[in-house]
């Protein structure tokens, strides 16, 4: 019974630390965005709540197996406890990969929307995040290269377009031939 109490207290402490972290993150966003406009502050609050909801649901999912493994181990069923733990690790890994994929698509598409809204610096930041999540995403390099060329930073734009071409974006070579002149010519 004491072991259960200790485990319960540790989980409670861990969850309260997470909650404090989320609150601090939201407070920092409020400080940074609050001086812009009410609409931007509302958008940041909405996004923070959505991310918080997803993270809490994922934590509940991942913590849900702890009592199952503990009960199996407590009954002396070590083989079953090990199997449950392996299944949990596999499931949590697949869920993390799925979440990373969703974030990749989200950042890439946010970059595209910001380009359409002529918010090119924000678009580049989102393309940067997409590239950090998946460095072999040729379309993110291509779009970031186009934005850089539009912002008159041809050197960096041409580097991104070249990388996009290496990653299989055939349209990159047409843009390179038009905007990326060799300085020796």
Protein backbone atom coordinates (compact mmCIF):
# COMPACT_ATOMS: atom_id res chain seq x y z
CA UNK A 1 0.00 0.00 0.00
CA UNK A 2 2.86 2.40 0.77
CA UNK A 3 4.43 1.75 -2.66
CA UNK A 4 1.13 2.69 -4.33
CA UNK A 5 0.95 5.89 -2.28
CA UNK A 6 4.52 6.84 -3.23
CA UNK A 7 3.85 6.16 -6.94
CA UNK A 8 0.61 8.15 -6.75
CA UNK A 9 2.42 11.09 -5.12
CA UNK A 10 5.18 11.00 -7.76
CA UNK A 11 2.61 11.05 -10.56
CA UNK A 12 0.74 13.90 -8.88
CA UNK A 13 3.95 15.92 -8.54
CA UNK A 14 4.84 15.23 -12.19
CA UNK A 15 1.40 16.33 -13.40
CA UNK A 16 1.48 19.50 -11.28
CA UNK A 17 4.95 20.36 -12.69
CA UNK A 18 3.52 19.92 -16.20
CA UNK A 19 0.55 22.15 -15.36
CA UNK A 20 2.83 24.85 -13.97
CA UNK A 21 4.94 24.67 -17.14
CA UNK A 22 1.87 25.11 -19.34
CA UNK A 23 0.74 28.09 -17.26
CA UNK A 24 4.18 29.71 -17.49
CA UNK A 25 4.22 29.18 -21.24
CA UNK A 26 0.80 30.80 -21.54
CA UNK A 27 1.89 33.67 -19.31
CA UNK A 28 4.98 34.24 -21.48
CA UNK A 29 2.79 34.27 -24.59
CA UNK A 30 0.48 36.80 -22.95
CA UNK A 31 3.42 39.06 -22.16
CA UNK A 32 4.82 38.85 -25.69
CA UNK A 33 1.60 39.01 -27.68
CA UNK A 34 -0.62 41.04 -25.36
CA UNK A 35 0.69 44.37 -26.54
CA UNK A 36 -0.20 43.67 -30.19
CA UNK A 37 -3.94 43.22 -30.33
CA UNK A 38 -6.84 41.42 -28.75
CA UNK A 39 -7.26 39.17 -31.79
CA UNK A 40 -3.65 37.97 -31.67
CA UNK A 41 -3.88 37.33 -27.93
CA UNK A 42 -7.09 35.35 -28.45
CA UNK A 43 -5.47 33.30 -31.22
CA UNK A 44 -2.46 32.51 -29.02
CA UNK A 45 -4.75 31.47 -26.17
CA UNK A 46 -6.75 29.22 -28.45
CA UNK A 47 -3.65 27.53 -29.86
CA UNK A 48 -2.13 27.08 -26.40
CA UNK A 49 -5.32 25.45 -25.15
CA UNK A 50 -5.47 23.12 -28.14
CA UNK A 51 -1.84 22.06 -27.69
CA UNK A 52 -2.40 21.67 -23.94
CA UNK A 53 -5.46 19.49 -24.53
CA UNK A 54 -3.55 17.26 -26.95
CA UNK A 55 -0.59 16.95 -24.60
CA UNK A 56 -2.76 16.15 -21.58
CA UNK A 57 -4.68 13.52 -23.58
CA UNK A 58 -1.39 11.98 -24.70
CA UNK A 59 -0.04 12.00 -21.15
CA UNK A 60 -3.20 10.30 -19.89
CA UNK A 61 -2.81 7.71 -22.62
CA UNK A 62 0.82 7.06 -21.77
CA UNK A 63 0.25 7.03 -17.99
CA UNK A 64 -2.74 4.71 -18.31
CA UNK A 65 -0.59 1.61 -18.58
CA UNK A 66 1.35 2.21 -15.35
CA UNK A 67 -1.31 0.64 -13.07
CA UNK A 68 -1.69 -2.30 -15.48
CA UNK A 69 2.04 -3.06 -15.44
CA UNK A 70 2.15 -2.52 -11.67
CA UNK A 71 -0.75 -4.91 -11.07
CA UNK A 72 0.76 -7.60 -13.29
CA UNK A 73 4.15 -7.20 -11.64
CA UNK A 74 2.56 -7.24 -8.17
CA UNK A 75 0.82 -10.55 -8.95
CA UNK A 76 4.16 -12.01 -10.01
CA UNK A 77 3.29 -12.12 -13.71
CA UNK A 78 6.58 -10.66 -14.92
CA UNK A 79 6.27 -12.02 -18.47
CA UNK A 80 2.86 -10.41 -18.94
CA UNK A 81 4.09 -7.17 -17.34
CA UNK A 82 7.05 -7.12 -19.74
CA UNK A 83 4.75 -7.75 -22.71
CA UNK A 84 2.41 -4.95 -21.60
CA UNK A 85 5.38 -2.61 -21.18
CA UNK A 86 6.74 -3.44 -24.65
CA UNK A 87 3.31 -2.86 -26.20
CA UNK A 88 3.07 0.45 -24.35
CA UNK A 89 6.47 1.58 -25.62
CA UNK A 90 5.55 0.67 -29.20
CA UNK A 91 2.17 2.39 -28.97
CA UNK A 92 3.64 5.52 -27.41
CA UNK A 93 6.38 5.64 -30.06
CA UNK A 94 3.80 5.37 -32.85
CA UNK A 95 1.66 8.06 -31.22
CA UNK A 96 4.71 10.36 -30.95
CA UNK A 97 5.53 9.80 -34.63
CA UNK A 98 1.92 10.59 -35.54
CA UNK A 99 2.02 13.80 -33.47
CA UNK A 100 5.30 14.87 -35.09
CA UNK A 101 3.80 14.25 -38.53
CA UNK A 102 0.79 16.39 -37.65
CA UNK A 103 3.10 19.17 -36.41
CA UNK A 104 5.16 18.94 -39.61
CA UNK A 105 2.08 19.35 -41.79
CA UNK A 106 0.77 22.10 -39.53
CA UNK A 107 3.95 24.19 -39.67
CA UNK A 108 4.33 23.72 -43.42
CA UNK A 109 0.74 24.74 -44.11
CA UNK A 110 0.94 27.68 -41.69
CA UNK A 111 3.94 28.86 -43.70
CA UNK A 112 1.90 28.58 -46.89
CA UNK A 113 -1.01 30.53 -45.37
CA UNK A 114 1.30 33.25 -44.13
CA UNK A 115 2.84 33.54 -47.58
CA UNK A 116 -0.63 34.07 -49.00
CA UNK A 117 -1.17 36.76 -46.33
CA UNK A 118 2.14 38.46 -47.25
CA UNK A 119 3.61 37.67 -43.81
CA UNK A 120 6.87 36.40 -45.23
CA UNK A 121 9.03 36.50 -42.09
CA UNK A 122 6.49 34.43 -40.15
CA UNK A 123 6.20 32.08 -43.11
CA UNK A 124 9.95 31.50 -43.10
CA UNK A 125 9.85 30.73 -39.36
CA UNK A 126 7.22 28.08 -39.96
CA UNK A 127 9.19 26.59 -42.84
CA UNK A 128 12.22 26.55 -40.50
CA UNK A 129 10.21 24.55 -37.95
CA UNK A 130 9.01 22.12 -40.63
CA UNK A 131 12.60 21.62 -41.81
CA UNK A 132 13.77 21.05 -38.23
CA UNK A 133 11.09 18.39 -37.79
CA UNK A 134 11.86 16.73 -41.13
CA UNK A 135 15.12 17.85 -42.76
CA UNK A 136 14.35 15.97 -45.99
CA UNK A 137 11.16 17.91 -46.79
CA UNK A 138 11.99 19.33 -50.19
CA UNK A 139 8.79 21.36 -50.47
CA UNK A 140 9.65 23.34 -47.32
CA UNK A 141 13.09 24.18 -48.73
CA UNK A 142 11.48 25.13 -52.05
CA UNK A 143 8.91 27.45 -50.49
CA UNK A 144 11.44 29.00 -48.12
CA UNK A 145 13.76 29.56 -51.09
CA UNK A 146 10.98 31.34 -52.99
CA UNK A 147 10.27 33.58 -50.00
CA UNK A 148 13.96 34.41 -49.63
CA UNK A 149 14.23 35.33 -53.31
CA UNK A 150 11.10 37.47 -52.99
CA UNK A 151 12.76 39.22 -50.03
CA UNK A 152 15.84 39.85 -52.22
CA UNK A 153 18.10 37.36 -50.42
CA UNK A 154 18.96 35.44 -53.57
CA UNK A 155 22.05 33.75 -52.17
CA UNK A 156 20.19 31.98 -49.34
CA UNK A 157 17.16 31.43 -51.54
CA UNK A 158 19.26 29.71 -54.20
CA UNK A 159 20.85 27.47 -51.57
CA UNK A 160 17.38 26.40 -50.40
CA UNK A 161 16.20 25.87 -53.97
CA UNK A 162 19.28 23.77 -54.70
CA UNK A 163 18.56 21.63 -51.64
CA UNK A 164 14.93 21.29 -52.73
CA UNK A 165 16.11 20.07 -56.14
CA UNK A 166 18.40 17.53 -54.47
CA UNK A 167 15.40 16.29 -52.49
CA UNK A 168 13.36 15.73 -55.64
CA UNK A 169 11.47 18.98 -56.23
CA UNK A 170 11.92 19.28 -59.99
CA UNK A 171 10.42 22.81 -60.17
CA UNK A 172 13.37 24.09 -58.15
CA UNK A 173 15.71 23.88 -61.15
CA UNK A 174 13.50 26.15 -63.27
CA UNK A 175 13.51 28.81 -60.56
CA UNK A 176 17.28 28.39 -60.11
CA UNK A 177 17.88 28.96 -63.82
CA UNK A 178 15.85 32.16 -63.68
CA UNK A 179 16.99 33.75 -60.40
CA UNK A 180 20.29 32.14 -59.43
CA UNK A 181 22.95 33.41 -61.77
CA UNK A 182 26.51 32.26 -61.38
CA UNK A 183 28.57 35.27 -60.32
CA UNK A 184 31.35 34.26 -62.74
CA UNK A 185 29.03 34.85 -65.71
